[in-house]
C-alpha atoms as a PDB file:
ATOM      1  CA  MET A   1     124.340-138.814  68.615  1.00  0.00           C
ATOM      2  CA  PRO A   2     122.529-139.472  71.679  1.00  0.00           C
ATOM      3  CA  SER A   3     123.083-142.684  73.447  1.00  0.00           C
ATOM      4  CA  ALA A   4     121.905-145.751  71.014  1.00  0.00           C
ATOM      5  CA  PRO A   5     118.795-147.929  72.008  1.00  0.00           C
ATOM      6  CA  TYR A   6     119.020-151.467  71.762  1.00  0.00           C
ATOM      7  CA  LEU A   7     116.530-152.870  69.106  1.00  0.00           C
ATOM      8  CA  GLY A   8     117.157-156.254  68.545  1.00  0.00           C
ATOM      9  CA  LYS A   9     118.365-157.969  65.422  1.00  0.00           C
ATOM     10  CA  ASP A  10     114.908-157.108  63.450  1.00  0.00           C
ATOM     11  CA  LEU A  11     112.290-154.115  63.524  1.00  0.00           C
ATOM     12  CA  VAL A  12     108.809-155.886  63.093  1.00  0.00           C
ATOM     13  CA  GLY A  13     107.062-153.602  64.999  1.00  0.00           C
ATOM     14  CA  LEU A  14     106.328-151.079  67.217  1.00  0.00           C
ATOM     15  CA  GLU A  15     104.450-153.133  69.646  1.00  0.00           C
ATOM     16  CA  GLU A  16     107.188-155.079  71.029  1.00  0.00           C
ATOM     17  CA  LEU A  17     109.234-151.968  71.723  1.00  0.00           C
ATOM     18  CA  ASP A  18     108.946-150.087  74.835  1.00  0.00           C
ATOM     19  CA  ALA A  19     108.926-146.137  75.359  1.00  0.00           C
ATOM     20  CA  ASP A  20     112.674-145.527  75.337  1.00  0.00           C
ATOM     21  CA  GLN A  21     113.620-147.830  72.601  1.00  0.00           C
ATOM     22  CA  ILE A  22     111.059-145.577  70.520  1.00  0.00           C
ATOM     23  CA  ARG A  23     112.061-142.380  72.122  1.00  0.00           C
ATOM     24  CA  GLY A  24     115.674-143.202  70.942  1.00  0.00           C
ATOM     25  CA  ILE A  25     114.967-143.649  67.730  1.00  0.00           C
ATOM     26  CA  LEU A  26     113.332-140.474  67.219  1.00  0.00           C
ATOM     27  CA  ASP A  27     116.109-138.909  69.352  1.00  0.00           C
ATOM     28  CA  THR A  28     118.829-140.535  66.885  1.00  0.00           C
ATOM     29  CA  ALA A  29     117.218-139.555  63.743  1.00  0.00           C
ATOM     30  CA  GLU A  30     117.416-135.813  64.887  1.00  0.00           C
ATOM     31  CA  PRO A  31     121.525-135.646  63.787  1.00  0.00           C
ATOM     32  CA  PHE A  32     120.388-137.489  60.877  1.00  0.00           C
ATOM     33  CA  LYS A  33     118.359-134.600  59.327  1.00  0.00           C
ATOM     34  CA  GLU A  34     121.283-132.175  59.510  1.00  0.00           C
ATOM     35  CA  ILE A  35     122.878-134.872  57.190  1.00  0.00           C
ATOM     36  CA  SER A  36     120.303-134.216  54.285  1.00  0.00           C
ATOM     37  CA  GLU A  37     120.534-130.249  54.122  1.00  0.00           C
ATOM     38  CA  ARG A  38     124.745-130.823  53.353  1.00  0.00           C
ATOM     39  CA  ALA A  39     126.046-130.050  49.804  1.00  0.00           C
ATOM     40  CA  ILE A  40     127.554-133.527  49.962  1.00  0.00           C
ATOM     41  CA  LYS A  41     124.753-135.698  51.575  1.00  0.00           C
ATOM     42  CA  LYS A  42     126.521-138.960  52.697  1.00  0.00           C
ATOM     43  CA  VAL A  43     128.478-140.799  55.527  1.00  0.00           C
ATOM     44  CA  PRO A  44     130.048-143.661  56.065  1.00  0.00           C
ATOM     45  CA  VAL A  45     128.621-145.475  58.577  1.00  0.00           C
ATOM     46  CA  LEU A  46     127.446-148.296  56.777  1.00  0.00           C
ATOM     47  CA  ARG A  47     130.162-148.872  54.366  1.00  0.00           C
ATOM     48  CA  GLY A  48     130.446-152.107  53.093  1.00  0.00           C
ATOM     49  CA  LYS A  49     127.223-152.853  54.499  1.00  0.00           C
ATOM     50  CA  THR A  50     124.802-154.509  51.602  1.00  0.00           C
ATOM     51  CA  ILE A  51     121.090-153.876  52.228  1.00  0.00           C
ATOM     52  CA  VAL A  52     118.229-155.920  49.913  1.00  0.00           C
ATOM     53  CA  ASN A  53     115.021-154.111  49.496  1.00  0.00           C
ATOM     54  CA  LEU A  54     112.541-156.512  48.911  1.00  0.00           C
ATOM     55  CA  PHE A  55     109.361-155.476  48.203  1.00  0.00           C
ATOM     56  CA  PHE A  56     106.290-157.809  47.406  1.00  0.00           C
ATOM     57  CA  GLU A  57     103.846-154.749  46.897  1.00  0.00           C
ATOM     58  CA  PRO A  58     103.972-151.845  44.897  1.00  0.00           C
ATOM     59  CA  SER A  59     105.217-148.711  46.829  1.00  0.00           C
ATOM     60  CA  THR A  60     106.869-145.710  45.611  1.00  0.00           C
ATOM     61  CA  ARG A  61     107.602-143.603  49.045  1.00  0.00           C
ATOM     62  CA  THR A  62     108.657-146.189  50.967  1.00  0.00           C
ATOM     63  CA  ARG A  63     110.869-147.950  48.984  1.00  0.00           C
ATOM     64  CA  ILE A  64     112.332-144.626  47.497  1.00  0.00           C
ATOM     65  CA  SER A  65     112.935-143.501  51.099  1.00  0.00           C
ATOM     66  CA  PHE A  66     114.512-146.315  52.697  1.00  0.00           C
ATOM     67  CA  GLU A  67     116.973-146.200  49.159  1.00  0.00           C
ATOM     68  CA  PHE A  68     117.889-142.645  50.258  1.00  0.00           C
ATOM     69  CA  ALA A  69     118.737-143.415  53.709  1.00  0.00           C
ATOM     70  CA  GLU A  70     120.944-146.696  52.546  1.00  0.00           C
ATOM     71  CA  LYS A  71     122.628-144.727  49.919  1.00  0.00           C
ATOM     72  CA  ARG A  72     123.410-141.638  52.706  1.00  0.00           C
ATOM     73  CA  LEU A  73     124.798-144.006  54.813  1.00  0.00           C
ATOM     74  CA  SER A  74     126.690-145.619  51.940  1.00  0.00           C
ATOM     75  CA  ALA A  75     125.368-148.962  51.815  1.00  0.00           C
ATOM     76  CA  ASP A  76     125.320-151.050  49.230  1.00  0.00           C
ATOM     77  CA  THR A  77     121.760-151.444  47.785  1.00  0.00           C
ATOM     78  CA  VAL A  78     119.816-154.219  45.719  1.00  0.00           C
ATOM     79  CA  ASN A  79     116.061-153.815  44.750  1.00  0.00           C
ATOM     80  CA  VAL A  80     113.706-156.795  44.499  1.00  0.00           C
ATOM     81  CA  ALA A  81     110.274-156.300  43.378  1.00  0.00           C
ATOM     82  CA  ALA A  82     108.072-159.174  43.267  1.00  0.00           C
ATOM     83  CA  SER A  83     107.274-158.497  39.613  1.00  0.00           C
ATOM     84  CA  GLY A  84     109.903-159.926  37.327  1.00  0.00           C
ATOM     85  CA  SER A  85     111.428-162.323  40.354  1.00  0.00           C
ATOM     86  CA  SER A  86     111.515-165.651  40.826  1.00  0.00           C
ATOM     87  CA  VAL A  87     108.348-165.164  43.378  1.00  0.00           C
ATOM     88  CA  GLN A  88     106.176-165.444  40.424  1.00  0.00           C
ATOM     89  CA  LYS A  89     107.533-168.271  39.204  1.00  0.00           C
ATOM     90  CA  GLY A  90     106.540-169.924  42.436  1.00  0.00           C
ATOM     91  CA  GLU A  91     109.654-169.184  44.696  1.00  0.00           C
ATOM     92  CA  THR A  92     108.804-169.289  48.473  1.00  0.00           C
ATOM     93  CA  LEU A  93     109.678-166.183  50.617  1.00  0.00           C
ATOM     94  CA  VAL A  94     112.008-168.526  52.460  1.00  0.00           C
ATOM     95  CA  ASP A  95     113.564-169.779  49.157  1.00  0.00           C
ATOM     96  CA  THR A  96     113.897-165.851  47.971  1.00  0.00           C
ATOM     97  CA  ALA A  97     115.499-164.995  51.450  1.00  0.00           C
ATOM     98  CA  ARG A  98     117.743-167.819  51.680  1.00  0.00           C
ATOM     99  CA  ASN A  99     119.340-167.230  48.074  1.00  0.00           C
ATOM    100  CA  LEU A 100     119.981-163.617  49.053  1.00  0.00           C
ATOM    101  CA  GLU A 101     121.433-164.697  52.472  1.00  0.00           C
ATOM    102  CA  ALA A 102     123.902-167.091  50.154  1.00  0.00           C
ATOM    103  CA  MET A 103     124.932-163.779  48.520  1.00  0.00           C
ATOM    104  CA  ARG A 104     126.077-162.595  52.094  1.00  0.00           C
ATOM    105  CA  ILE A 105     123.788-159.599  52.266  1.00  0.00           C
ATOM    106  CA  ASP A 106     123.746-157.746  55.662  1.00  0.00           C
ATOM    107  CA  MET A 107     120.186-156.342  56.130  1.00  0.00           C
ATOM    108  CA  VAL A 108     116.722-156.742  54.178  1.00  0.00           C
ATOM    109  CA  VAL A 109     113.868-154.363  54.293  1.00  0.00           C
ATOM    110  CA  ILE A 110     110.729-156.236  53.318  1.00  0.00           C
ATOM    111  CA  ARG A 111     107.165-155.181  52.462  1.00  0.00           C
ATOM    112  CA  HIS A 112     104.451-157.681  52.136  1.00  0.00           C
ATOM    113  CA  GLY A 113     100.837-158.120  51.704  1.00  0.00           C
ATOM    114  CA  SER A 114     100.895-161.098  54.249  1.00  0.00           C
ATOM    115  CA  SER A 115     100.644-160.613  58.114  1.00  0.00           C
ATOM    116  CA  GLY A 116     103.762-161.458  59.807  1.00  0.00           C
ATOM    117  CA  ALA A 117     106.014-161.788  56.905  1.00  0.00           C
ATOM    118  CA  ALA A 118     108.647-159.991  58.189  1.00  0.00           C
ATOM    119  CA  ARG A 119     108.745-161.665  61.694  1.00  0.00           C
ATOM    120  CA  PHE A 120     108.751-164.883  59.942  1.00  0.00           C
ATOM    121  CA  LEU A 121     111.607-163.934  57.616  1.00  0.00           C
ATOM    122  CA  GLY A 122     113.374-162.650  60.463  1.00  0.00           C
ATOM    123  CA  GLU A 123     113.245-166.090  62.442  1.00  0.00           C
ATOM    124  CA  ARG A 124     114.574-167.856  59.239  1.00  0.00           C
ATOM    125  CA  ILE A 125     117.644-165.820  58.388  1.00  0.00           C
ATOM    126  CA  PRO A 126     120.457-164.336  60.506  1.00  0.00           C
ATOM    127  CA  SER A 127     120.322-160.557  58.683  1.00  0.00           C
ATOM    128  CA  ASN A 128     118.687-157.784  60.132  1.00  0.00           C
ATOM    129  CA  VAL A 129     115.147-157.588  58.944  1.00  0.00           C
ATOM    130  CA  ILE A 130     113.199-154.045  58.698  1.00  0.00           C
ATOM    131  CA  ASN A 131     109.456-154.025  58.472  1.00  0.00           C
ATOM    132  CA  ALA A 132     108.529-151.720  55.449  1.00  0.00           C
ATOM    133  CA  GLY A 133     104.667-152.680  55.480  1.00  0.00           C
ATOM    134  CA  ASP A 134     102.980-156.265  56.103  1.00  0.00           C
ATOM    135  CA  GLY A 135      99.731-156.608  55.062  1.00  0.00           C
ATOM    136  CA  ARG A 136      97.318-155.162  57.732  1.00  0.00           C
ATOM    137  CA  HIS A 137      99.593-155.667  61.006  1.00  0.00           C
ATOM    138  CA  GLU A 138     102.303-153.060  61.164  1.00  0.00           C
ATOM    139  CA  HIS A 139     104.284-150.131  58.977  1.00  0.00           C
ATOM    140  CA  PRO A 140     106.910-149.173  61.904  1.00  0.00           C
ATOM    141  CA  THR A 141     109.203-146.453  60.276  1.00  0.00           C
ATOM    142  CA  GLN A 142     105.701-144.694  58.658  1.00  0.00           C
ATOM    143  CA  ALA A 143     104.573-144.139  62.414  1.00  0.00           C
ATOM    144  CA  LEU A 144     108.190-143.080  63.585  1.00  0.00           C
ATOM    145  CA  LEU A 145     108.241-140.293  61.218  1.00  0.00           C
ATOM    146  CA  ASP A 146     104.895-139.563  61.616  1.00  0.00           C
ATOM    147  CA  MET A 147     105.786-139.103  65.688  1.00  0.00           C
ATOM    148  CA  LEU A 148     108.932-137.119  64.797  1.00  0.00           C
ATOM    149  CA  THR A 149     106.881-134.473  62.494  1.00  0.00           C
ATOM    150  CA  ILE A 150     104.296-134.261  65.530  1.00  0.00           C
ATOM    151  CA  ARG A 151     107.151-133.283  68.035  1.00  0.00           C
ATOM    152  CA  ASP A 152     108.991-131.148  65.713  1.00  0.00           C
ATOM    153  CA  HIS A 153     106.137-129.146  65.497  1.00  0.00           C
ATOM    154  CA  LEU A 154     104.570-128.912  68.963  1.00  0.00           C
ATOM    155  CA  GLY A 155     107.408-129.882  70.766  1.00  0.00           C
ATOM    156  CA  ARG A 156     106.046-132.774  72.370  1.00  0.00           C
ATOM    157  CA  LEU A 157     104.315-136.179  72.256  1.00  0.00           C
ATOM    158  CA  GLU A 158     103.114-136.421  76.042  1.00  0.00           C
ATOM    159  CA  GLY A 159      99.648-135.217  76.601  1.00  0.00           C
ATOM    160  CA  VAL A 160      99.185-134.645  72.437  1.00  0.00           C
ATOM    161  CA  ARG A 161      95.781-135.245  71.146  1.00  0.00           C
ATOM    162  CA  VAL A 162      95.941-137.559  67.680  1.00  0.00           C
ATOM    163  CA  CYS A 163      92.984-138.536  65.887  1.00  0.00           C
ATOM    164  CA  ILE A 164      93.451-141.107  62.641  1.00  0.00           C
ATOM    165  CA  VAL A 165      90.741-140.525  60.325  1.00  0.00           C
ATOM    166  CA  GLY A 166      89.643-142.881  57.673  1.00  0.00           C
ATOM    167  CA  ASP A 167      90.184-146.459  56.963  1.00  0.00           C
ATOM    168  CA  VAL A 168      91.439-147.907  60.089  1.00  0.00           C
ATOM    169  CA  LEU A 169      90.223-151.356  59.001  1.00  0.00           C
ATOM    170  CA  HIS A 170      93.023-152.119  56.789  1.00  0.00           C
ATOM    171  CA  SER A 171      95.709-149.749  57.723  1.00  0.00           C
ATOM    172  CA  ARG A 172      99.101-150.826  59.369  1.00  0.00           C
ATOM    173  CA  VAL A 173      99.960-147.391  59.487  1.00  0.00           C
ATOM    174  CA  ALA A 174      97.311-146.923  62.299  1.00  0.00           C
ATOM    175  CA  ARG A 175      98.340-149.842  64.173  1.00  0.00           C
ATOM    176  CA  SER A 176     101.516-148.801  64.358  1.00  0.00           C
ATOM    177  CA  ASN A 177     101.047-145.252  65.452  1.00  0.00           C
ATOM    178  CA  ILE A 178      98.545-146.640  67.846  1.00  0.00           C
ATOM    179  CA  TRP A 179     101.105-148.483  69.249  1.00  0.00           C
ATOM    180  CA  GLY A 180     103.989-145.799  69.453  1.00  0.00           C
ATOM    181  CA  LEU A 181     101.655-142.740  70.640  1.00  0.00           C
ATOM    182  CA  THR A 182     100.216-144.395  73.052  1.00  0.00           C
ATOM    183  CA  LYS A 183     103.427-145.612  74.534  1.00  0.00           C
ATOM    184  CA  LEU A 184     105.279-141.954  74.535  1.00  0.00           C
ATOM    185  CA  GLY A 185     102.327-140.942  76.773  1.00  0.00           C
ATOM    186  CA  ALA A 186      99.972-139.010  73.426  1.00  0.00           C
ATOM    187  CA  GLU A 187      96.117-139.375  73.599  1.00  0.00           C
ATOM    188  CA  VAL A 188      95.064-141.065  70.227  1.00  0.00           C
ATOM    189  CA  ALA A 189      91.510-141.366  68.712  1.00  0.00           C
ATOM    190  CA  VAL A 190      90.091-142.998  65.464  1.00  0.00           C
ATOM    191  CA  CYS A 191      87.360-141.723  63.217  1.00  0.00           C
ATOM    192  CA  GLY A 192      85.846-143.292  60.834  1.00  0.00           C
ATOM    193  CA  PRO A 193      82.784-145.246  59.368  1.00  0.00           C
ATOM    194  CA  PRO A 194      81.742-148.166  61.486  1.00  0.00           C
ATOM    195  CA  THR A 195      82.613-150.343  58.406  1.00  0.00           C
ATOM    196  CA  LEU A 196      85.824-148.675  58.250  1.00  0.00           C
ATOM    197  CA  LEU A 197      87.020-149.128  61.938  1.00  0.00           C
ATOM    198  CA  PRO A 198      88.176-152.785  63.387  1.00  0.00           C
ATOM    199  CA  ALA A 199      85.957-154.426  65.740  1.00  0.00           C
ATOM    200  CA  GLY A 200      87.240-153.869  69.489  1.00  0.00           C
ATOM    201  CA  VAL A 201      89.400-150.847  68.449  1.00  0.00           C
ATOM    202  CA  GLU A 202      88.653-149.085  71.803  1.00  0.00           C
ATOM    203  CA  GLU A 203      90.917-152.160  73.504  1.00  0.00           C
ATOM    204  CA  LEU A 204      93.909-150.730  71.608  1.00  0.00           C
ATOM    205  CA  GLY A 205      93.331-147.726  74.426  1.00  0.00           C
ATOM    206  CA  VAL A 206      91.915-145.260  71.505  1.00  0.00           C
ATOM    207  CA  ARG A 207      88.542-143.210  72.025  1.00  0.00           C
ATOM    208  CA  VAL A 208      86.356-143.641  69.128  1.00  0.00           C
ATOM    209  CA  PHE A 209      84.334-140.839  67.125  1.00  0.00           C
ATOM    210  CA  THR A 210      81.691-141.555  64.564  1.00  0.00           C
ATOM    211  CA  ARG A 211      81.555-137.819  63.422  1.00  0.00           C
ATOM    212  CA  VAL A 212      84.198-136.207  62.060  1.00  0.00           C
ATOM    213  CA  GLU A 213      83.325-133.042  63.492  1.00  0.00           C
ATOM    214  CA  GLU A 214      83.307-134.289  67.036  1.00  0.00           C
ATOM    215  CA  ALA A 215      86.806-135.602  65.820  1.00  0.00           C
ATOM    216  CA  ILE A 216      88.406-132.272  64.396  1.00  0.00           C
ATOM    217  CA  GLU A 217      86.975-130.303  67.749  1.00  0.00           C
ATOM    218  CA  TRP A 218      88.662-132.761  70.108  1.00  0.00           C
ATOM    219  CA  ALA A 219      92.110-133.121  68.453  1.00  0.00           C
ATOM    220  CA  GLU A 220      95.081-131.223  67.819  1.00  0.00           C
ATOM    221  CA  VAL A 221      96.802-133.495  65.127  1.00  0.00           C
ATOM    222  CA  LEU A 222      94.420-135.512  62.599  1.00  0.00           C
ATOM    223  CA  ASN A 223      96.344-138.128  61.083  1.00  0.00           C
ATOM    224  CA  VAL A 224      94.348-138.953  57.767  1.00  0.00           C
ATOM    225  CA  LEU A 225      94.487-142.143  55.876  1.00  0.00           C
ATOM    226  CA  ARG A 226      93.976-143.126  52.202  1.00  0.00           C
ATOM    227  CA  LEU A 227      90.631-145.146  51.676  1.00  0.00           C
ATOM    228  CA  GLN A 228      92.764-148.838  50.574  1.00  0.00           C
ATOM    229  CA  LEU A 229      90.119-149.611  47.802  1.00  0.00           C
ATOM    230  CA  GLU A 230      92.500-152.212  46.402  1.00  0.00           C
ATOM    231  CA  ARG A 231      91.633-154.037  49.528  1.00  0.00           C
ATOM    232  CA  MET A 232      88.009-152.900  49.569  1.00  0.00           C
ATOM    233  CA  HIS A 233      85.967-155.985  48.169  1.00  0.00           C
ATOM    234  CA  ALA A 234      82.528-155.294  49.299  1.00  0.00           C
ATOM    235  CA  GLY A 235      80.299-152.476  50.470  1.00  0.00           C
ATOM    236  CA  TYR A 236      82.154-150.795  52.965  1.00  0.00           C
ATOM    237  CA  ILE A 237      81.481-147.069  52.201  1.00  0.00           C
ATOM    238  CA  PRO A 238      78.273-146.037  49.553  1.00  0.00           C
ATOM    239  CA  SER A 239      80.485-144.024  47.517  1.00  0.00           C
ATOM    240  CA  LEU A 240      83.557-142.284  47.257  1.00  0.00           C
ATOM    241  CA  ARG A 241      81.461-138.624  46.934  1.00  0.00           C
ATOM    242  CA  GLU A 242      79.627-139.809  50.077  1.00  0.00           C
ATOM    243  CA  TYR A 243      82.772-140.842  52.077  1.00  0.00           C
ATOM    244  CA  ASN A 244      83.918-137.070  51.322  1.00  0.00           C
ATOM    245  CA  ARG A 245      80.620-135.185  52.059  1.00  0.00           C
ATOM    246  CA  VAL A 246      80.426-137.041  55.548  1.00  0.00           C
ATOM    247  CA  PHE A 247      84.300-137.654  56.478  1.00  0.00           C
ATOM    248  CA  GLY A 248      86.386-135.801  54.345  1.00  0.00           C
ATOM    249  CA  ILE A 249      88.835-133.357  55.812  1.00  0.00           C
ATOM    250  CA  THR A 250      87.739-130.272  54.205  1.00  0.00           C
ATOM    251  CA  ARG A 251      88.963-126.745  54.436  1.00  0.00           C
ATOM    252  CA  GLU A 252      85.375-125.712  56.005  1.00  0.00           C
ATOM    253  CA  ARG A 253      85.807-128.364  58.804  1.00  0.00           C
ATOM    254  CA  VAL A 254      89.570-127.253  59.310  1.00  0.00           C
ATOM    255  CA  GLU A 255      88.556-123.801  59.586  1.00  0.00           C
ATOM    256  CA  ARG A 256      85.933-124.611  62.199  1.00  0.00           C
ATOM    257  CA  ALA A 257      88.656-126.496  64.733  1.00  0.00           C
ATOM    258  CA  PRO A 258      88.699-124.353  67.721  1.00  0.00           C
ATOM    259  CA  ARG A 259      92.343-124.426  67.564  1.00  0.00           C
ATOM    260  CA  ASP A 260      95.103-124.478  65.166  1.00  0.00           C
ATOM    261  CA  LEU A 261      95.472-128.177  63.260  1.00  0.00           C
ATOM    262  CA  LEU A 262      98.386-130.175  62.470  1.00  0.00           C
ATOM    263  CA  ILE A 263      97.551-131.993  59.104  1.00  0.00           C
ATOM    264  CA  LEU A 264      99.351-135.383  58.721  1.00  0.00           C
ATOM    265  CA  HIS A 265      98.764-137.876  55.954  1.00  0.00           C
ATOM    266  CA  PRO A 266     101.002-141.271  55.388  1.00  0.00           C
ATOM    267  CA  GLY A 267     100.450-140.912  51.289  1.00  0.00           C
ATOM    268  CA  PRO A 268      99.782-141.671  48.459  1.00  0.00           C
ATOM    269  CA  MET A 269      96.479-139.429  49.095  1.00  0.00           C
ATOM    270  CA  ASN A 270      93.191-139.633  46.893  1.00  0.00           C
ATOM    271  CA  ARG A 271      93.051-135.695  46.701  1.00  0.00           C
ATOM    272  CA  GLY A 272      88.901-135.005  47.078  1.00  0.00           C
ATOM    273  CA  VAL A 273      87.991-138.161  48.662  1.00  0.00           C
ATOM    274  CA  GLU A 274      89.847-138.021  51.964  1.00  0.00           C
ATOM    275  CA  ILE A 275      91.221-134.936  52.072  1.00  0.00           C
ATOM    276  CA  ASP A 276      90.887-131.747  49.978  1.00  0.00           C
ATOM    277  CA  SER A 277      93.543-130.397  48.034  1.00  0.00           C
ATOM    278  CA  ASP A 278      93.233-127.245  49.672  1.00  0.00           C
ATOM    279  CA  VAL A 279      94.306-128.577  53.315  1.00  0.00           C
ATOM    280  CA  ALA A 280      96.645-131.043  51.733  1.00  0.00           C
ATOM    281  CA  ASP A 281      98.307-128.228  50.439  1.00  0.00           C
ATOM    282  CA  GLY A 282      97.433-125.644  53.059  1.00  0.00           C
ATOM    283  CA  GLU A 283      99.274-123.986  55.913  1.00  0.00           C
ATOM    284  CA  HIS A 284      98.102-126.721  58.552  1.00  0.00           C
ATOM    285  CA  SER A 285      99.828-129.425  56.714  1.00  0.00           C
ATOM    286  CA  VAL A 286     103.337-131.036  57.290  1.00  0.00           C
ATOM    287  CA  ILE A 287     103.011-133.438  54.817  1.00  0.00           C
ATOM    288  CA  LEU A 288     106.236-132.599  52.949  1.00  0.00           C
ATOM    289  CA  ASP A 289     107.784-132.647  56.549  1.00  0.00           C
ATOM    290  CA  GLN A 290     106.666-136.026  56.926  1.00  0.00           C
ATOM    291  CA  VAL A 291     108.673-137.185  53.853  1.00  0.00           C
ATOM    292  CA  THR A 292     111.750-135.041  54.791  1.00  0.00           C
ATOM    293  CA  ASN A 293     111.711-136.638  58.041  1.00  0.00           C
ATOM    294  CA  GLY A 294     110.940-140.506  56.648  1.00  0.00           C
ATOM    295  CA  VAL A 295     114.681-140.500  55.329  1.00  0.00           C
ATOM    296  CA  ALA A 296     116.147-139.390  58.711  1.00  0.00           C
ATOM    297  CA  VAL A 297     114.077-141.815  60.625  1.00  0.00           C
ATOM    298  CA  ARG A 298     114.910-145.118  57.899  1.00  0.00           C
ATOM    299  CA  MET A 299     119.037-143.860  58.493  1.00  0.00           C
ATOM    300  CA  ALA A 300     118.326-143.676  61.979  1.00  0.00           C
ATOM    301  CA  VAL A 301     116.978-147.494  61.989  1.00  0.00           C
ATOM    302  CA  LEU A 302     119.537-148.742  59.773  1.00  0.00           C
ATOM    303  CA  TYR A 303     121.985-147.177  61.644  1.00  0.00           C
ATOM    304  CA  LEU A 304     120.803-148.714  64.997  1.00  0.00           C
ATOM    305  CA  LEU A 305     120.240-152.146  63.845  1.00  0.00           C
ATOM    306  CA  ALA A 306     123.447-152.456  62.277  1.00  0.00           C
ATOM    307  CA  GLY A 307     125.119-151.774  66.004  1.00  0.00           C
ATOM    308  CA  GLY A 308     125.022-148.152  66.470  1.00  0.00           C
ATOM    309  CA  ALA A 309     128.166-146.864  65.214  1.00  0.00           C
ATOM    310  CA  PRO A 310     130.490-149.762  63.279  1.00  0.00           C
ATOM    311  CA  ASP A 311     133.361-146.892  62.733  1.00  0.00           C
ATOM    312  CA  LYS A 312     132.698-144.343  65.363  1.00  0.00           C
ATOM    313  CA  ALA A 313     135.950-142.868  64.404  1.00  0.00           C
ATOM    314  CA  GLU A 314     134.493-142.245  61.007  1.00  0.00           C
ATOM    315  CA  VAL A 315     131.426-141.118  62.259  1.00  0.00           C
ATOM    316  CA  ALA A 316     132.951-138.286  64.523  1.00  0.00           C
ATOM    317  CA  LYS A 317     134.899-137.133  61.679  1.00  0.00           C
ATOM    318  CA  HIS A 318     131.920-136.362  59.475  1.00  0.00           C
ATOM    319  CA  GLY A 319     130.240-135.110  62.372  1.00  0.00           C
ATOM    320  CA  VAL A 320     127.130-137.478  63.087  1.00  0.00           C
ATOM    321  CA  GLU A 321     127.906-137.352  67.067  1.00  0.00           C
END
């Protein structure tokens, strides 16, 4: 196991981490990938720890990925969804957290619709807090798994040209990717309709393309974002068909690229809108590798926030060193 970087008490976002900390998480995730290939996919490094998955927004991939990570590290897990919980009866986030804290938990993984919710919670409870997506702010573990996937396939991140295509305005994944990739030396661009690009996005150190053909000509990696239709309450785009015609990642566009492209998508996909099925399932796609790497990255984050190796003898005995 590589020397463990110190992340602090919580993982709220990649904006506040430095390059060595981000690189350290990716390096720590590498040996955890091997655990998922074993017949018995479990190590005891978080045995005795209790982790609460507190999801105030619907989620399938992220929640299940965290659950797999927690169980493979032998932690005890509790899942709390906003629907059916006391939140629907008017309980505040802090009251919910303090009640959980009174049950002597060790970590909280939180997804919330409000930007800053993870930091707000982390400042008010002594347990470790991991941001699984907060409003339009950040989704750090998604960006980490994206970076790990790129590094696995290209062997590096420094100098790699990555274009984030689609609904950047509403995307916390885009923000975390921009922070993480630029800190590790990648060249980053964004591409989408002007209505779906944040004002002043260039100030984050990224290039801006308004034509997807130009983005594809420039990029080595496309990270394709879904249109977050649930967050769109006005005319951001004329229609889904028009979006696909102008900005969709189609086989024809990919085949005209001057080099082999790596295609990522954080999911869930709107097939036939931002990405066509023959691209999502094609030879350039590494979308399923992202899912696999997601478990390893989340294992690494949980492990590091718990202090690296709570029982080094047990870790060594089970081959995670």
